[in-house]
Amino acid sequence: MPSPSVPPASRRTVLRGAALAGAAGLGATACTGGTGSKGPATPTAPVDLGAADAIPAGGAKLFREQRVVVCRSAQGEYKAFSAVCTHAGCVVDKIEDGKISCPCHGSKFDAATGKVLQGPAGAPLPSVPVKADGGKLVAGPEA
């Protein structure tokens, strides 16, 4: 018994498929780095973050361009974490109620510890050395 013949795809069908494949690729790029995650997840050299007192005791601040989140305990101790989500490499976008949020897939992290509070991220944010020096915050190696 002969198999039914399949007509060749029209030019329009081929072009439509190519356009959809390209759009899908752009979407994948947006999810894996389209939010500015090019470069290392943590600073490779000391980075000046400005005035140490800009972070209130018990609070945290996102330094998006430097890809660092810094928190300050009620006792005045500083901790810093990478602002690059461990799930897909997106840069986090906000801190609310002590939670760091990733805009790409909804992961949330504890601003005081970097631990995952909500997935899909499975690993905590990497810690970054930070110190207050002369009233200024410096993050990164040799900080």
Protein backbone atom coordinates (compact mmCIF):
# COMPACT_ATOMS: atom_id res chain seq x y z
CA MET A 1 0.00 0.00 0.00
CA PRO A 2 1.57 3.33 -1.00
CA SER A 3 2.07 5.99 1.68
CA PRO A 4 0.09 9.19 1.32
CA SER A 5 2.10 11.95 -0.24
CA VAL A 6 2.89 15.02 1.79
CA PRO A 7 2.82 18.25 -0.18
CA PRO A 8 5.96 20.38 0.07
CA ALA A 9 5.83 23.28 2.52
CA SER A 10 4.99 26.64 1.03
CA ARG A 11 7.45 29.53 1.20
CA ARG A 12 5.13 31.27 3.67
CA THR A 13 5.11 28.24 6.00
CA VAL A 14 8.91 28.02 5.96
CA LEU A 15 9.33 31.76 6.66
CA ARG A 16 6.74 31.69 9.44
CA GLY A 17 8.56 28.77 11.09
CA ALA A 18 11.90 30.59 10.84
CA ALA A 19 10.40 33.72 12.42
CA LEU A 20 8.92 31.73 15.31
CA ALA A 21 12.22 29.93 15.90
CA GLY A 22 14.01 33.28 16.03
CA ALA A 23 11.49 34.70 18.49
CA ALA A 24 11.86 31.63 20.69
CA GLY A 25 15.62 32.15 20.70
CA LEU A 26 15.18 35.76 21.80
CA GLY A 27 12.93 34.62 24.63
CA ALA A 28 15.54 32.12 25.80
CA THR A 29 18.17 34.87 25.73
CA ALA A 30 15.96 37.14 27.82
CA CYS A 31 15.49 34.45 30.45
CA THR A 32 19.13 33.50 30.69
CA GLY A 33 20.80 36.85 30.63
CA GLY A 34 18.76 39.49 28.93
CA THR A 35 18.48 41.40 32.18
CA GLY A 36 22.07 42.49 32.27
CA SER A 37 23.84 39.47 33.66
CA LYS A 38 26.82 39.61 31.32
CA GLY A 39 30.05 39.23 33.21
CA PRO A 40 30.97 37.50 36.46
CA ALA A 41 28.41 36.86 39.19
CA THR A 42 30.64 38.50 41.82
CA PRO A 43 33.05 41.44 41.59
CA THR A 44 36.57 40.50 40.50
CA ALA A 45 38.10 43.67 41.98
CA PRO A 46 37.19 45.98 44.87
CA VAL A 47 34.09 48.07 44.12
CA ASP A 48 33.23 51.31 45.92
CA LEU A 49 29.53 51.24 46.85
CA GLY A 50 29.32 54.67 48.44
CA ALA A 51 28.39 55.72 51.95
CA ALA A 52 28.09 52.89 54.48
CA ASP A 53 25.29 54.67 56.32
CA ALA A 54 23.12 54.58 53.16
CA ILE A 55 22.07 51.13 54.35
CA PRO A 56 19.95 51.38 57.49
CA ALA A 57 20.52 48.96 60.37
CA GLY A 58 18.35 45.93 59.72
CA GLY A 59 18.01 46.83 56.03
CA ALA A 60 19.48 45.91 52.67
CA LYS A 61 20.28 47.65 49.41
CA LEU A 62 20.67 46.46 45.84
CA PHE A 63 23.62 47.79 43.85
CA ARG A 64 22.38 46.53 40.49
CA GLU A 65 25.17 47.87 38.27
CA GLN A 66 27.82 46.37 40.57
CA ARG A 67 25.75 43.15 40.91
CA VAL A 68 25.89 43.21 44.68
CA VAL A 69 23.29 43.17 47.46
CA VAL A 70 24.46 44.46 50.85
CA CYS A 71 22.60 44.00 54.11
CA ARG A 72 23.33 45.57 57.48
CA SER A 73 22.39 43.78 60.68
CA ALA A 74 20.78 45.58 63.61
CA GLN A 75 24.24 45.46 65.24
CA GLY A 76 25.79 47.29 62.27
CA GLU A 77 27.59 44.35 60.63
CA TYR A 78 27.60 44.25 56.82
CA LYS A 79 27.17 41.18 54.58
CA ALA A 80 27.13 41.14 50.80
CA PHE A 81 25.90 38.69 48.21
CA SER A 82 25.95 38.42 44.44
CA ALA A 83 22.90 40.01 42.81
CA VAL A 84 22.97 37.38 40.05
CA CYS A 85 20.32 34.70 40.52
CA THR A 86 21.74 31.20 40.80
CA HIS A 87 18.92 29.75 38.67
CA ALA A 88 19.38 31.34 35.23
CA GLY A 89 21.84 34.19 35.76
CA CYS A 90 19.38 37.08 35.80
CA VAL A 91 20.21 40.12 37.92
CA VAL A 92 17.76 40.51 40.81
CA ASP A 93 15.60 43.60 40.68
CA LYS A 94 14.25 44.45 44.13
CA ILE A 95 14.33 43.89 47.86
CA GLU A 96 11.07 43.99 49.80
CA ASP A 97 10.36 42.82 53.35
CA GLY A 98 13.84 41.28 53.62
CA LYS A 99 13.40 39.25 50.42
CA ILE A 100 15.51 39.62 47.29
CA SER A 101 13.45 38.95 44.14
CA CYS A 102 14.50 37.73 40.71
CA PRO A 103 12.32 39.03 37.87
CA CYS A 104 12.93 36.13 35.47
CA HIS A 105 11.37 33.12 37.18
CA GLY A 106 10.28 34.33 40.61
CA SER A 107 13.09 33.04 42.82
CA LYS A 108 13.37 34.76 46.19
CA PHE A 109 16.32 34.92 48.56
CA ASP A 110 16.77 36.01 52.19
CA ALA A 111 18.47 39.42 52.17
CA ALA A 112 20.31 38.69 55.42
CA THR A 113 21.71 35.27 54.46
CA GLY A 114 21.40 34.86 50.68
CA LYS A 115 19.53 31.57 51.22
CA VAL A 116 16.81 30.48 48.79
CA LEU A 117 13.31 31.18 50.10
CA GLN A 118 11.45 30.27 46.92
CA GLY A 119 12.60 28.41 43.78
CA PRO A 120 13.26 27.60 41.08
CA ALA A 121 16.74 28.63 42.27
CA GLY A 122 18.28 25.77 44.23
CA ALA A 123 21.49 27.39 45.46
CA PRO A 124 21.97 30.45 47.70
CA LEU A 125 23.43 33.68 46.39
CA PRO A 126 27.23 33.56 46.65
CA SER A 127 28.67 35.73 49.41
CA VAL A 128 30.90 38.66 48.49
CA PRO A 129 33.50 40.16 50.83
CA VAL A 130 32.43 43.61 52.06
CA LYS A 131 33.76 46.11 54.57
CA ALA A 132 33.06 49.61 55.77
CA ASP A 133 36.23 51.65 55.44
CA GLY A 134 36.32 55.32 56.39
CA GLY A 135 32.53 55.57 56.13
CA LYS A 136 32.46 53.96 52.68
CA LEU A 137 31.42 50.48 51.65
CA VAL A 138 33.79 48.42 49.53
CA ALA A 139 32.81 45.02 48.11
CA GLY A 140 34.77 42.39 46.26
CA PRO A 141 38.14 40.71 46.65
CA GLU A 142 40.48 42.39 49.13
CA ALA A 143 37.52 44.24 50.62
